[in-house]
Protein backbone atom coordinates (compact mmCIF):
# COMPACT_ATOMS: atom_id res chain seq x y z
CA MET A 1 -39.73 29.27 109.61
CA ASN A 2 -37.87 27.30 106.97
CA ALA A 3 -38.74 24.21 104.96
CA ALA A 4 -36.26 22.00 106.81
CA GLU A 5 -38.09 22.63 110.10
CA LEU A 6 -41.40 21.88 108.46
CA ARG A 7 -40.24 18.58 106.96
CA ASP A 8 -39.56 17.29 110.48
CA LYS A 9 -43.21 17.76 111.47
CA THR A 10 -46.04 15.29 110.98
CA PRO A 11 -48.88 16.09 108.56
CA ASP A 12 -51.22 16.76 111.50
CA GLN A 13 -48.78 19.25 112.99
CA LEU A 14 -48.44 20.90 109.58
CA ARG A 15 -52.22 21.25 109.26
CA ASP A 16 -52.36 22.85 112.73
CA THR A 17 -49.58 25.25 111.72
CA LEU A 18 -51.47 26.07 108.53
CA VAL A 19 -54.61 26.93 110.48
CA GLN A 20 -52.65 29.19 112.83
CA LEU A 21 -50.94 30.96 109.93
CA LYS A 22 -54.23 31.53 108.15
CA LYS A 23 -55.72 33.04 111.32
CA GLU A 24 -52.68 35.28 111.62
CA ALA A 25 -53.02 36.34 107.98
CA PHE A 26 -56.68 37.22 108.57
CA ASN A 27 -55.80 39.30 111.62
CA LEU A 28 -53.06 41.11 109.69
CA ARG A 29 -55.45 41.90 106.83
CA PHE A 30 -57.98 43.20 109.33
CA ARG A 31 -55.36 45.39 111.05
CA GLN A 32 -54.14 46.74 107.71
CA ALA A 33 -57.67 47.65 106.65
CA SER A 34 -58.26 49.52 109.90
CA GLY A 35 -54.92 51.34 109.61
CA GLY A 36 -53.28 49.68 112.61
CA LEU A 37 -50.61 47.65 110.84
CA GLU A 38 -47.16 49.21 110.95
CA ASP A 39 -45.00 46.30 109.73
CA THR A 40 -46.49 45.53 106.34
CA ALA A 41 -43.68 43.09 105.54
CA GLN A 42 -45.18 40.78 108.15
CA MET A 43 -48.06 40.01 105.75
CA ARG A 44 -45.59 38.85 103.12
CA ARG A 45 -43.77 36.61 105.60
CA VAL A 46 -47.02 34.96 106.70
CA ARG A 47 -48.17 34.41 103.10
CA ARG A 48 -44.86 32.79 102.24
CA ASP A 49 -44.98 30.61 105.38
CA VAL A 50 -48.45 29.42 104.32
CA ALA A 51 -47.04 28.51 100.91
CA ARG A 52 -44.13 26.63 102.51
CA VAL A 53 -46.47 24.61 104.72
CA LYS A 54 -48.68 23.73 101.76
CA THR A 55 -45.65 22.72 99.70
CA VAL A 56 -44.34 20.40 102.41
CA LEU A 57 -47.81 18.89 102.89
CA ASN A 58 -48.02 18.16 99.16
CA GLU A 59 -44.53 16.64 99.21
CA LYS A 60 -45.48 14.37 102.10
CA ALA A 61 -48.68 13.32 100.31
CA ALA A 62 -46.71 12.49 97.16
CA GLN A 63 -44.06 10.38 98.94
CA PRO A 64 -46.14 7.18 99.34
CA ALA A 65 -47.18 7.32 95.70
CA ALA A 66 -43.61 7.84 94.56
CA ALA A 67 -42.44 4.92 96.70
CA GLU A 68 -44.89 2.62 94.91
CA GLY A 69 -43.80 3.89 91.51
CA ILE A 70 -47.12 5.58 90.79
CA GLU A 71 -47.01 9.16 89.57
């Protein structure tokens, strides 16, 4: 998932994506703790996807304020 794809989504869709990614991160942590996770790089990808979603959400929240000239 890249930032360009995320910028095309609405804030509600981004929040849904964030919830799904956080659930996935929880499941990966659980599998790692129980010794069942083979692809440990997957945890890094999910963490970075969460950060991307949060960044795009913050950008979208800042756009109306920037349009009014308020920072």
